[in-house]
Amino acid sequence: MKHIVIFLLLCLLIACGKKQESGNSTDDNKKSASADSTTVPKPNGESQKQVSKISDSPAYGTYTGGFEALVYDESKDYVYENRITISIDSLSNDLMYGHSIVAGNNRPFKGSYKNEGKTLNAEVTEPGDDKYDGKFIFSIDPAAGKLEGTWKANDRKLDVTERKYSLEKKKFSYDASNNLPEDVKWAGLYEKNPRFPDKIESLTGDVTKLNGSIRELTKKDVENLYKGDLEIIRNAIYARHGYSFKTRRIRFIFDQYVPWYMPISTDVRNELTEIEKKNIDLIKRYEEHAEKYYDEYGR
C-alpha cells in the first residue's frame, strides 16, 4: 500500500512540472509574436495580419495645400485650384494605404511605394467607382515634411484631367478662436446673378466681426447682415472643424482666403459644440430672408 502511495505522488509531481513548462512556452510565443509583427488597419475596416511593423515611419501623417490645374479644357468653367489634404494611413511591406480629401470628396487610395535614399516614392490609385477618381504619383520628403506630385483623372473628358500639388505636413487641430482674415471682405462669392450680369455678390467687412464658435450669437448680431456675410459666418463654423465643402462658391472663399483652413472631413456634425449648433440654427433663420449685396462696380 505504501509503495502505491509513493508512486501516485511521483506521477503527480511529474504532471505539474510539464504543465508549468507548457505555460511558460506559450507566454514566450506571445511575446515573440507581438514584438515581430502588428495588425495594420485598412481604410475599409479590414486588417492585414502579421506584417512588418513600421508604424514609426516619418512619412505617416497628413499633408495639405493647393491642388492646381495642370491639364485642362480652357473652354470650360473649370476650377483652377482647390485645397487638398492627403493622408498616409498605413505602410506594410511595399504597399501604401491612404485617402485624399478635396472638394467635398473623401476617397481612399492604395498602391506601391519605394524608399529611395531619404525619399519615399509612391504610385497609388483611387477605387475608380467615382467620376473624379484617378491616380496619384508623388514623393515624400519626411525630413522637410513635404509631399509633391501629380494626379491624373481616369475620365479624360473632365474639365481638369491632371493636377499638381506641393503639400506641407500638418496635423489638424480644432481651434474655436480661428477668425476670418481681414482680406476675406474683398472676396466675391464666385457666382453671378442673371438679373445683374455685370455684378458679383460680394462680402462686406461685417463678415470678420462675428465668430460663431466662441460665443452664442443674438438676434441683434445677425438681423441686419447681408446674405453672403451670414452664409460665410455660418460656414466658418464648419471650416474650423476641417469640413471639406462641396459647394464651389463656398469652397472658393475658404480655399483661397483663409490660411488656417484645412479640409480633413466630409462630415463634422458630431464634432459641433452646443454653442455652434445654436448659432447655425440662428444664422440659417436670418439667412433665408436676408438681402443680397452686389458690388456696384463688379469685380
C-alpha atoms as a PDB file:
ATOM      1  CA  MET A   1       0.000   0.000   0.000  1.00  0.00           C
ATOM      2  CA  LYS A   2       2.870   2.334   0.943  1.00  0.00           C
ATOM      3  CA  HIS A   3       4.567   1.759  -2.439  1.00  0.00           C
ATOM      4  CA  ILE A   4       1.338   2.605  -4.299  1.00  0.00           C
ATOM      5  CA  VAL A   5       1.007   5.968  -2.469  1.00  0.00           C
ATOM      6  CA  ILE A   6       4.638   6.903  -3.252  1.00  0.00           C
ATOM      7  CA  PHE A   7       4.120   6.008  -6.926  1.00  0.00           C
ATOM      8  CA  LEU A   8       0.996   8.224  -7.164  1.00  0.00           C
ATOM      9  CA  LEU A   9       2.823  11.197  -5.580  1.00  0.00           C
ATOM     10  CA  LEU A  10       5.684  10.889  -8.098  1.00  0.00           C
ATOM     11  CA  CYS A  11       3.224  10.843 -11.005  1.00  0.00           C
ATOM     12  CA  LEU A  12       1.533  13.989  -9.642  1.00  0.00           C
ATOM     13  CA  LEU A  13       4.832  15.889  -9.345  1.00  0.00           C
ATOM     14  CA  ILE A  14       5.873  14.981 -12.914  1.00  0.00           C
ATOM     15  CA  ALA A  15       2.499  16.123 -14.335  1.00  0.00           C
ATOM     16  CA  CYS A  16       2.723  19.540 -12.559  1.00  0.00           C
ATOM     17  CA  GLY A  17       6.217  20.131 -13.931  1.00  0.00           C
ATOM     18  CA  LYS A  18       5.104  19.512 -17.545  1.00  0.00           C
ATOM     19  CA  LYS A  19       2.132  21.829 -17.143  1.00  0.00           C
ATOM     20  CA  GLN A  20       4.357  24.646 -15.884  1.00  0.00           C
ATOM     21  CA  GLU A  21       6.795  24.214 -18.798  1.00  0.00           C
ATOM     22  CA  SER A  22       3.894  24.324 -21.268  1.00  0.00           C
ATOM     23  CA  GLY A  23       2.592  27.567 -19.745  1.00  0.00           C
ATOM     24  CA  ASN A  24       5.985  29.289 -19.942  1.00  0.00           C
ATOM     25  CA  SER A  25       6.376  28.255 -23.593  1.00  0.00           C
ATOM     26  CA  THR A  26       3.011  29.843 -24.537  1.00  0.00           C
ATOM     27  CA  ASP A  27       3.930  33.187 -22.911  1.00  0.00           C
ATOM     28  CA  ASP A  28       7.233  33.267 -24.791  1.00  0.00           C
ATOM     29  CA  ASN A  29       5.436  32.670 -28.101  1.00  0.00           C
ATOM     30  CA  LYS A  30       3.018  35.529 -27.405  1.00  0.00           C
ATOM     31  CA  LYS A  31       5.861  37.912 -26.605  1.00  0.00           C
ATOM     32  CA  SER A  32       7.720  36.928 -29.755  1.00  0.00           C
ATOM     33  CA  ALA A  33       4.659  37.440 -31.961  1.00  0.00           C
ATOM     34  CA  SER A  34       3.889  40.893 -30.532  1.00  0.00           C
ATOM     35  CA  ALA A  35       7.491  42.048 -30.962  1.00  0.00           C
ATOM     36  CA  ASP A  36       7.871  40.976 -34.591  1.00  0.00           C
ATOM     37  CA  SER A  37       4.502  41.791 -36.090  1.00  0.00           C
ATOM     38  CA  THR A  38       1.476  44.028 -35.842  1.00  0.00           C
ATOM     39  CA  THR A  39      -2.017  44.485 -37.273  1.00  0.00           C
ATOM     40  CA  VAL A  40      -2.332  47.224 -39.877  1.00  0.00           C
ATOM     41  CA  PRO A  41      -5.855  48.620 -40.464  1.00  0.00           C
ATOM     42  CA  LYS A  42      -7.050  49.271 -43.979  1.00  0.00           C
ATOM     43  CA  PRO A  43      -9.360  52.199 -44.830  1.00  0.00           C
ATOM     44  CA  ASN A  44     -12.311  49.838 -45.397  1.00  0.00           C
ATOM     45  CA  GLY A  45     -12.044  48.349 -41.919  1.00  0.00           C
ATOM     46  CA  GLU A  46     -10.299  45.123 -42.931  1.00  0.00           C
ATOM     47  CA  SER A  47      -6.981  44.154 -41.362  1.00  0.00           C
ATOM     48  CA  GLN A  48      -3.720  42.771 -42.599  1.00  0.00           C
ATOM     49  CA  LYS A  49      -2.295  40.308 -40.099  1.00  0.00           C
ATOM     50  CA  GLN A  50       1.352  39.652 -39.372  1.00  0.00           C
ATOM     51  CA  VAL A  51       3.024  42.375 -41.437  1.00  0.00           C
ATOM     52  CA  SER A  52       6.244  44.175 -40.729  1.00  0.00           C
ATOM     53  CA  LYS A  53       5.849  46.780 -38.018  1.00  0.00           C
ATOM     54  CA  ILE A  54       6.720  50.215 -39.429  1.00  0.00           C
ATOM     55  CA  SER A  55       4.238  52.378 -37.576  1.00  0.00           C
ATOM     56  CA  ASP A  56       7.031  54.773 -36.641  1.00  0.00           C
ATOM     57  CA  SER A  57       7.655  55.794 -40.269  1.00  0.00           C
ATOM     58  CA  PRO A  58       8.104  59.582 -40.530  1.00  0.00           C
ATOM     59  CA  ALA A  59       6.075  59.505 -43.758  1.00  0.00           C
ATOM     60  CA  TYR A  60       2.847  58.920 -41.825  1.00  0.00           C
ATOM     61  CA  GLY A  61       0.506  61.861 -41.354  1.00  0.00           C
ATOM     62  CA  THR A  62      -1.500  64.471 -43.236  1.00  0.00           C
ATOM     63  CA  TYR A  63      -0.224  66.860 -45.906  1.00  0.00           C
ATOM     64  CA  THR A  64      -2.209  69.862 -47.131  1.00  0.00           C
ATOM     65  CA  GLY A  65      -2.021  72.613 -49.743  1.00  0.00           C
ATOM     66  CA  GLY A  66      -3.108  73.669 -53.219  1.00  0.00           C
ATOM     67  CA  PHE A  67      -4.370  71.206 -55.834  1.00  0.00           C
ATOM     68  CA  GLU A  68      -3.629  73.124 -59.053  1.00  0.00           C
ATOM     69  CA  ALA A  69      -4.889  72.517 -62.578  1.00  0.00           C
ATOM     70  CA  LEU A  70      -2.125  71.260 -64.880  1.00  0.00           C
ATOM     71  CA  VAL A  71      -4.005  69.931 -67.925  1.00  0.00           C
ATOM     72  CA  TYR A  72      -7.454  71.419 -68.515  1.00  0.00           C
ATOM     73  CA  ASP A  73     -10.038  72.489 -71.087  1.00  0.00           C
ATOM     74  CA  GLU A  74      -9.814  76.273 -71.363  1.00  0.00           C
ATOM     75  CA  SER A  75     -13.258  76.461 -72.980  1.00  0.00           C
ATOM     76  CA  LYS A  76     -14.911  75.202 -69.787  1.00  0.00           C
ATOM     77  CA  ASP A  77     -15.583  76.874 -66.455  1.00  0.00           C
ATOM     78  CA  TYR A  78     -13.069  74.774 -64.565  1.00  0.00           C
ATOM     79  CA  VAL A  79     -11.740  75.305 -61.022  1.00  0.00           C
ATOM     80  CA  TYR A  80      -8.067  76.207 -61.205  1.00  0.00           C
ATOM     81  CA  GLU A  81      -7.189  75.366 -57.597  1.00  0.00           C
ATOM     82  CA  ASN A  82      -8.819  73.572 -54.673  1.00  0.00           C
ATOM     83  CA  ARG A  83      -7.261  72.833 -51.307  1.00  0.00           C
ATOM     84  CA  ILE A  84      -6.467  69.171 -50.724  1.00  0.00           C
ATOM     85  CA  THR A  85      -5.366  67.056 -47.782  1.00  0.00           C
ATOM     86  CA  ILE A  86      -3.592  63.756 -48.417  1.00  0.00           C
ATOM     87  CA  SER A  87      -3.328  61.304 -45.525  1.00  0.00           C
ATOM     88  CA  ILE A  88      -0.812  58.446 -45.400  1.00  0.00           C
ATOM     89  CA  ASP A  89      -2.628  55.896 -43.219  1.00  0.00           C
ATOM     90  CA  SER A  90      -0.587  52.685 -43.320  1.00  0.00           C
ATOM     91  CA  LEU A  91       2.537  51.183 -44.857  1.00  0.00           C
ATOM     92  CA  SER A  92       3.023  47.433 -44.999  1.00  0.00           C
ATOM     93  CA  ASN A  93       5.888  45.803 -46.873  1.00  0.00           C
ATOM     94  CA  ASP A  94       5.700  47.626 -50.238  1.00  0.00           C
ATOM     95  CA  LEU A  95       2.010  48.645 -50.045  1.00  0.00           C
ATOM     96  CA  MET A  96       0.646  52.057 -49.097  1.00  0.00           C
ATOM     97  CA  TYR A  97      -2.903  52.855 -47.943  1.00  0.00           C
ATOM     98  CA  GLY A  98      -4.294  56.340 -47.511  1.00  0.00           C
ATOM     99  CA  HIS A  99      -7.015  58.770 -48.534  1.00  0.00           C
ATOM    100  CA  SER A 100      -7.462  62.235 -50.008  1.00  0.00           C
ATOM    101  CA  ILE A 101      -9.972  64.914 -49.062  1.00  0.00           C
ATOM    102  CA  VAL A 102     -10.772  67.607 -51.611  1.00  0.00           C
ATOM    103  CA  ALA A 103     -13.875  69.417 -52.915  1.00  0.00           C
ATOM    104  CA  GLY A 104     -16.203  67.558 -50.567  1.00  0.00           C
ATOM    105  CA  ASN A 105     -14.886  64.112 -51.525  1.00  0.00           C
ATOM    106  CA  ASN A 106     -13.127  61.636 -49.235  1.00  0.00           C
ATOM    107  CA  ARG A 107     -11.520  58.983 -51.431  1.00  0.00           C
ATOM    108  CA  PRO A 108      -9.324  56.045 -50.338  1.00  0.00           C
ATOM    109  CA  PHE A 109      -6.285  55.020 -52.334  1.00  0.00           C
ATOM    110  CA  LYS A 110      -3.745  52.220 -52.325  1.00  0.00           C
ATOM    111  CA  GLY A 111      -0.662  51.278 -54.292  1.00  0.00           C
ATOM    112  CA  SER A 112       3.052  50.640 -54.185  1.00  0.00           C
ATOM    113  CA  TYR A 113       5.883  52.669 -52.727  1.00  0.00           C
ATOM    114  CA  LYS A 114       9.672  52.527 -52.521  1.00  0.00           C
ATOM    115  CA  ASN A 115      12.179  54.122 -50.206  1.00  0.00           C
ATOM    116  CA  GLU A 116      14.907  55.662 -52.341  1.00  0.00           C
ATOM    117  CA  GLY A 117      17.531  57.286 -50.169  1.00  0.00           C
ATOM    118  CA  LYS A 118      15.781  59.761 -47.887  1.00  0.00           C
ATOM    119  CA  THR A 119      12.744  59.985 -50.175  1.00  0.00           C
ATOM    120  CA  LEU A 120       9.659  57.784 -50.403  1.00  0.00           C
ATOM    121  CA  ASN A 121       8.152  57.481 -53.905  1.00  0.00           C
ATOM    122  CA  ALA A 122       4.607  56.204 -54.406  1.00  0.00           C
ATOM    123  CA  GLU A 123       2.086  55.391 -57.145  1.00  0.00           C
ATOM    124  CA  VAL A 124      -1.417  54.920 -55.743  1.00  0.00           C
ATOM    125  CA  THR A 125      -4.872  54.692 -57.286  1.00  0.00           C
ATOM    126  CA  GLU A 126      -8.381  55.505 -56.145  1.00  0.00           C
ATOM    127  CA  PRO A 127     -11.094  52.801 -56.440  1.00  0.00           C
ATOM    128  CA  GLY A 128     -12.429  54.014 -59.785  1.00  0.00           C
ATOM    129  CA  ASP A 129     -16.129  53.979 -58.868  1.00  0.00           C
ATOM    130  CA  ASP A 130     -16.368  57.779 -58.648  1.00  0.00           C
ATOM    131  CA  LYS A 131     -16.360  60.193 -61.570  1.00  0.00           C
ATOM    132  CA  TYR A 132     -13.403  62.118 -60.178  1.00  0.00           C
ATOM    133  CA  ASP A 133     -11.183  59.149 -59.270  1.00  0.00           C
ATOM    134  CA  GLY A 134      -7.681  58.909 -60.659  1.00  0.00           C
ATOM    135  CA  LYS A 135      -4.049  58.088 -59.955  1.00  0.00           C
ATOM    136  CA  PHE A 136      -1.612  59.893 -57.638  1.00  0.00           C
ATOM    137  CA  ILE A 137       2.139  59.819 -58.257  1.00  0.00           C
ATOM    138  CA  PHE A 138       4.115  61.569 -55.538  1.00  0.00           C
ATOM    139  CA  SER A 139       7.271  61.684 -53.482  1.00  0.00           C
ATOM    140  CA  ILE A 140       7.549  62.353 -49.745  1.00  0.00           C
ATOM    141  CA  ASP A 141      10.498  64.047 -48.118  1.00  0.00           C
ATOM    142  CA  PRO A 142       9.954  63.208 -44.424  1.00  0.00           C
ATOM    143  CA  ALA A 143      12.774  65.453 -43.229  1.00  0.00           C
ATOM    144  CA  ALA A 144      11.292  68.503 -44.974  1.00  0.00           C
ATOM    145  CA  GLY A 145       7.699  67.494 -44.262  1.00  0.00           C
ATOM    146  CA  LYS A 146       6.710  67.778 -47.921  1.00  0.00           C
ATOM    147  CA  LEU A 147       4.653  65.698 -50.351  1.00  0.00           C
ATOM    148  CA  GLU A 148       4.812  66.636 -54.036  1.00  0.00           C
ATOM    149  CA  GLY A 149       3.451  65.115 -57.214  1.00  0.00           C
ATOM    150  CA  THR A 150       0.719  64.882 -59.824  1.00  0.00           C
ATOM    151  CA  TRP A 151      -2.755  63.420 -60.177  1.00  0.00           C
ATOM    152  CA  LYS A 152      -4.286  62.098 -63.418  1.00  0.00           C
ATOM    153  CA  ALA A 153      -8.016  61.555 -63.833  1.00  0.00           C
ATOM    154  CA  ASN A 154      -9.386  58.257 -65.094  1.00  0.00           C
ATOM    155  CA  ASP A 155     -12.039  60.184 -67.033  1.00  0.00           C
ATOM    156  CA  ARG A 156     -10.194  62.144 -69.717  1.00  0.00           C
ATOM    157  CA  LYS A 157     -13.337  64.158 -70.500  1.00  0.00           C
ATOM    158  CA  LEU A 158     -13.305  66.095 -67.231  1.00  0.00           C
ATOM    159  CA  ASP A 159     -12.711  69.866 -67.250  1.00  0.00           C
ATOM    160  CA  VAL A 160      -9.368  69.214 -65.498  1.00  0.00           C
ATOM    161  CA  THR A 161      -7.647  65.905 -66.254  1.00  0.00           C
ATOM    162  CA  GLU A 162      -4.340  66.491 -64.470  1.00  0.00           C
ATOM    163  CA  ARG A 163      -3.360  68.425 -61.351  1.00  0.00           C
ATOM    164  CA  LYS A 164      -0.134  69.121 -59.466  1.00  0.00           C
ATOM    165  CA  TYR A 165       0.455  69.744 -55.777  1.00  0.00           C
ATOM    166  CA  SER A 166       3.190  70.639 -53.313  1.00  0.00           C
ATOM    167  CA  LEU A 167       1.867  69.956 -49.822  1.00  0.00           C
ATOM    168  CA  GLU A 168       3.133  70.707 -46.331  1.00  0.00           C
ATOM    169  CA  LYS A 169       2.839  68.202 -43.495  1.00  0.00           C
ATOM    170  CA  LYS A 170       0.354  69.485 -40.952  1.00  0.00           C
ATOM    171  CA  LYS A 171      -1.580  67.946 -38.091  1.00  0.00           C
ATOM    172  CA  PHE A 172      -5.169  69.133 -37.896  1.00  0.00           C
ATOM    173  CA  SER A 173      -6.247  70.800 -34.676  1.00  0.00           C
ATOM    174  CA  TYR A 174      -9.637  72.361 -33.958  1.00  0.00           C
ATOM    175  CA  ASP A 175      -9.341  75.938 -32.704  1.00  0.00           C
ATOM    176  CA  ALA A 176     -12.529  77.842 -31.899  1.00  0.00           C
ATOM    177  CA  SER A 177     -10.619  81.141 -31.891  1.00  0.00           C
ATOM    178  CA  ASN A 178      -9.713  80.939 -35.606  1.00  0.00           C
ATOM    179  CA  ASN A 179     -11.172  84.098 -37.114  1.00  0.00           C
ATOM    180  CA  LEU A 180     -11.711  85.003 -40.746  1.00  0.00           C
ATOM    181  CA  PRO A 181      -8.858  87.216 -42.014  1.00  0.00           C
ATOM    182  CA  GLU A 182      -9.457  90.836 -42.996  1.00  0.00           C
ATOM    183  CA  ASP A 183      -8.720  90.068 -46.657  1.00  0.00           C
ATOM    184  CA  VAL A 184     -11.834  87.925 -46.958  1.00  0.00           C
ATOM    185  CA  LYS A 185     -14.036  91.031 -47.021  1.00  0.00           C
ATOM    186  CA  TRP A 186     -12.724  91.812 -50.514  1.00  0.00           C
ATOM    187  CA  ALA A 187     -13.771  88.433 -51.868  1.00  0.00           C
ATOM    188  CA  GLY A 188     -16.533  87.895 -54.388  1.00  0.00           C
ATOM    189  CA  LEU A 189     -18.726  84.837 -53.891  1.00  0.00           C
ATOM    190  CA  TYR A 190     -17.750  83.424 -57.299  1.00  0.00           C
ATOM    191  CA  GLU A 191     -21.291  83.360 -58.611  1.00  0.00           C
ATOM    192  CA  LYS A 192     -23.150  85.695 -60.936  1.00  0.00           C
ATOM    193  CA  ASN A 193     -26.848  86.506 -60.718  1.00  0.00           C
ATOM    194  CA  PRO A 194     -28.653  86.521 -64.092  1.00  0.00           C
ATOM    195  CA  ARG A 195     -30.593  89.649 -63.029  1.00  0.00           C
ATOM    196  CA  PHE A 196     -27.298  91.501 -62.519  1.00  0.00           C
ATOM    197  CA  PRO A 197     -24.872  90.043 -65.103  1.00  0.00           C
ATOM    198  CA  ASP A 198     -22.317  92.819 -64.601  1.00  0.00           C
ATOM    199  CA  LYS A 199     -22.193  92.454 -60.810  1.00  0.00           C
ATOM    200  CA  ILE A 200     -20.953  89.796 -58.423  1.00  0.00           C
ATOM    201  CA  GLU A 201     -22.252  89.087 -54.945  1.00  0.00           C
ATOM    202  CA  SER A 202     -19.553  90.199 -52.522  1.00  0.00           C
ATOM    203  CA  LEU A 203     -18.791  90.124 -48.834  1.00  0.00           C
ATOM    204  CA  THR A 204     -18.535  93.141 -46.532  1.00  0.00           C
ATOM    205  CA  GLY A 205     -16.372  93.974 -43.525  1.00  0.00           C
ATOM    206  CA  ASP A 206     -19.084  92.577 -41.238  1.00  0.00           C
ATOM    207  CA  VAL A 207     -18.079  89.026 -42.143  1.00  0.00           C
ATOM    208  CA  THR A 208     -14.936  89.273 -39.991  1.00  0.00           C
ATOM    209  CA  LYS A 209     -16.692  90.631 -36.884  1.00  0.00           C
ATOM    210  CA  LEU A 210     -18.551  87.514 -35.702  1.00  0.00           C
ATOM    211  CA  ASN A 211     -17.166  84.154 -34.599  1.00  0.00           C
ATOM    212  CA  GLY A 212     -19.935  81.610 -34.163  1.00  0.00           C
ATOM    213  CA  SER A 213     -17.675  79.140 -32.367  1.00  0.00           C
ATOM    214  CA  ILE A 214     -16.687  81.142 -29.279  1.00  0.00           C
ATOM    215  CA  ARG A 215     -19.946  82.702 -28.070  1.00  0.00           C
ATOM    216  CA  GLU A 216     -23.683  82.392 -28.541  1.00  0.00           C
ATOM    217  CA  LEU A 217     -24.878  84.942 -31.077  1.00  0.00           C
ATOM    218  CA  THR A 218     -28.029  87.021 -30.656  1.00  0.00           C
ATOM    219  CA  LYS A 219     -30.728  88.321 -32.953  1.00  0.00           C
ATOM    220  CA  LYS A 220     -29.130  91.751 -32.741  1.00  0.00           C
ATOM    221  CA  ASP A 221     -25.824  90.345 -34.030  1.00  0.00           C
ATOM    222  CA  VAL A 222     -27.242  88.940 -37.248  1.00  0.00           C
ATOM    223  CA  GLU A 223     -30.547  90.631 -38.108  1.00  0.00           C
ATOM    224  CA  ASN A 224     -29.083  93.347 -40.367  1.00  0.00           C
ATOM    225  CA  LEU A 225     -26.326  91.377 -42.085  1.00  0.00           C
ATOM    226  CA  TYR A 226     -26.286  90.615 -45.800  1.00  0.00           C
ATOM    227  CA  LYS A 227     -26.981  87.092 -47.035  1.00  0.00           C
ATOM    228  CA  GLY A 228     -23.431  86.463 -48.245  1.00  0.00           C
ATOM    229  CA  ASP A 229     -21.901  87.533 -44.926  1.00  0.00           C
ATOM    230  CA  LEU A 230     -24.267  85.283 -42.965  1.00  0.00           C
ATOM    231  CA  GLU A 231     -23.502  82.363 -45.250  1.00  0.00           C
ATOM    232  CA  ILE A 232     -19.737  82.667 -44.714  1.00  0.00           C
ATOM    233  CA  ILE A 233     -20.015  83.286 -40.948  1.00  0.00           C
ATOM    234  CA  ARG A 234     -22.109  80.098 -40.675  1.00  0.00           C
ATOM    235  CA  ASN A 235     -19.789  78.026 -42.843  1.00  0.00           C
ATOM    236  CA  ALA A 236     -16.740  79.275 -40.930  1.00  0.00           C
ATOM    237  CA  ILE A 237     -18.055  77.177 -38.029  1.00  0.00           C
ATOM    238  CA  TYR A 238     -17.813  74.052 -40.184  1.00  0.00           C
ATOM    239  CA  ALA A 239     -14.446  75.165 -41.584  1.00  0.00           C
ATOM    240  CA  ARG A 240     -12.910  75.295 -38.089  1.00  0.00           C
ATOM    241  CA  HIS A 241     -13.676  71.583 -37.800  1.00  0.00           C
ATOM    242  CA  GLY A 242     -11.984  70.859 -41.134  1.00  0.00           C
ATOM    243  CA  TYR A 243     -15.130  70.332 -43.206  1.00  0.00           C
ATOM    244  CA  SER A 244     -14.444  69.902 -46.931  1.00  0.00           C
ATOM    245  CA  PHE A 245     -17.004  71.964 -48.857  1.00  0.00           C
ATOM    246  CA  LYS A 246     -18.783  70.588 -51.912  1.00  0.00           C
ATOM    247  CA  THR A 247     -20.326  73.927 -52.906  1.00  0.00           C
ATOM    248  CA  ARG A 248     -17.960  75.679 -55.268  1.00  0.00           C
ATOM    249  CA  ARG A 249     -18.742  79.248 -54.180  1.00  0.00           C
ATOM    250  CA  ILE A 250     -18.123  78.460 -50.509  1.00  0.00           C
ATOM    251  CA  ARG A 251     -15.047  76.388 -51.250  1.00  0.00           C
ATOM    252  CA  PHE A 252     -13.579  79.305 -53.200  1.00  0.00           C
ATOM    253  CA  ILE A 253     -13.650  81.561 -50.125  1.00  0.00           C
ATOM    254  CA  PHE A 254     -12.051  79.124 -47.697  1.00  0.00           C
ATOM    255  CA  ASP A 255      -9.577  77.589 -50.155  1.00  0.00           C
ATOM    256  CA  GLN A 256      -8.272  80.931 -51.381  1.00  0.00           C
ATOM    257  CA  TYR A 257      -8.640  83.382 -48.489  1.00  0.00           C
ATOM    258  CA  VAL A 258      -8.400  81.502 -45.175  1.00  0.00           C
ATOM    259  CA  PRO A 259      -4.832  80.362 -44.303  1.00  0.00           C
ATOM    260  CA  TRP A 260      -5.788  78.266 -41.272  1.00  0.00           C
ATOM    261  CA  TYR A 261      -8.389  76.226 -43.175  1.00  0.00           C
ATOM    262  CA  MET A 262      -7.532  72.537 -43.629  1.00  0.00           C
ATOM    263  CA  PRO A 263     -10.043  70.101 -45.189  1.00  0.00           C
ATOM    264  CA  ILE A 264      -9.959  66.932 -43.125  1.00  0.00           C
ATOM    265  CA  SER A 265     -13.509  65.501 -43.139  1.00  0.00           C
ATOM    266  CA  THR A 266     -16.722  65.360 -45.161  1.00  0.00           C
ATOM    267  CA  ASP A 267     -18.968  65.061 -42.085  1.00  0.00           C
ATOM    268  CA  VAL A 268     -18.326  67.082 -38.911  1.00  0.00           C
ATOM    269  CA  ARG A 269     -21.838  67.099 -37.451  1.00  0.00           C
ATOM    270  CA  ASN A 270     -20.779  65.078 -34.418  1.00  0.00           C
ATOM    271  CA  GLU A 271     -17.906  67.483 -33.747  1.00  0.00           C
ATOM    272  CA  LEU A 272     -20.016  70.642 -33.396  1.00  0.00           C
ATOM    273  CA  THR A 273     -20.324  72.190 -29.937  1.00  0.00           C
ATOM    274  CA  GLU A 274     -23.691  73.162 -28.455  1.00  0.00           C
ATOM    275  CA  ILE A 275     -22.911  76.855 -28.969  1.00  0.00           C
ATOM    276  CA  GLU A 276     -22.086  76.203 -32.606  1.00  0.00           C
ATOM    277  CA  LYS A 277     -25.298  74.253 -33.196  1.00  0.00           C
ATOM    278  CA  LYS A 278     -27.384  77.074 -31.735  1.00  0.00           C
ATOM    279  CA  ASN A 279     -25.588  79.686 -33.812  1.00  0.00           C
ATOM    280  CA  ILE A 280     -26.010  77.685 -37.024  1.00  0.00           C
ATOM    281  CA  ASP A 281     -29.757  77.456 -36.430  1.00  0.00           C
ATOM    282  CA  LEU A 282     -29.989  81.185 -35.676  1.00  0.00           C
ATOM    283  CA  ILE A 283     -27.989  82.233 -38.729  1.00  0.00           C
ATOM    284  CA  LYS A 284     -29.982  79.967 -41.029  1.00  0.00           C
ATOM    285  CA  ARG A 285     -33.248  81.595 -39.975  1.00  0.00           C
ATOM    286  CA  TYR A 286     -31.991  85.063 -40.913  1.00  0.00           C
ATOM    287  CA  GLU A 287     -30.018  83.889 -43.931  1.00  0.00           C
ATOM    288  CA  GLU A 288     -33.167  82.744 -45.741  1.00  0.00           C
ATOM    289  CA  HIS A 289     -34.642  86.246 -45.832  1.00  0.00           C
ATOM    290  CA  ALA A 290     -31.534  88.422 -45.825  1.00  0.00           C
ATOM    291  CA  GLU A 291     -30.844  90.907 -48.583  1.00  0.00           C
ATOM    292  CA  LYS A 292     -28.188  90.095 -51.175  1.00  0.00           C
ATOM    293  CA  TYR A 293     -25.372  92.568 -51.686  1.00  0.00           C
ATOM    294  CA  TYR A 294     -23.895  93.341 -55.097  1.00  0.00           C
ATOM    295  CA  ASP A 295     -20.722  95.289 -55.679  1.00  0.00           C
ATOM    296  CA  GLU A 296     -21.655  98.350 -57.704  1.00  0.00           C
ATOM    297  CA  TYR A 297     -18.546  98.038 -59.872  1.00  0.00           C
ATOM    298  CA  GLY A 298     -18.436  94.276 -60.220  1.00  0.00           C
ATOM    299  CA  ARG A 299     -15.040  92.595 -59.758  1.00  0.00           C
END
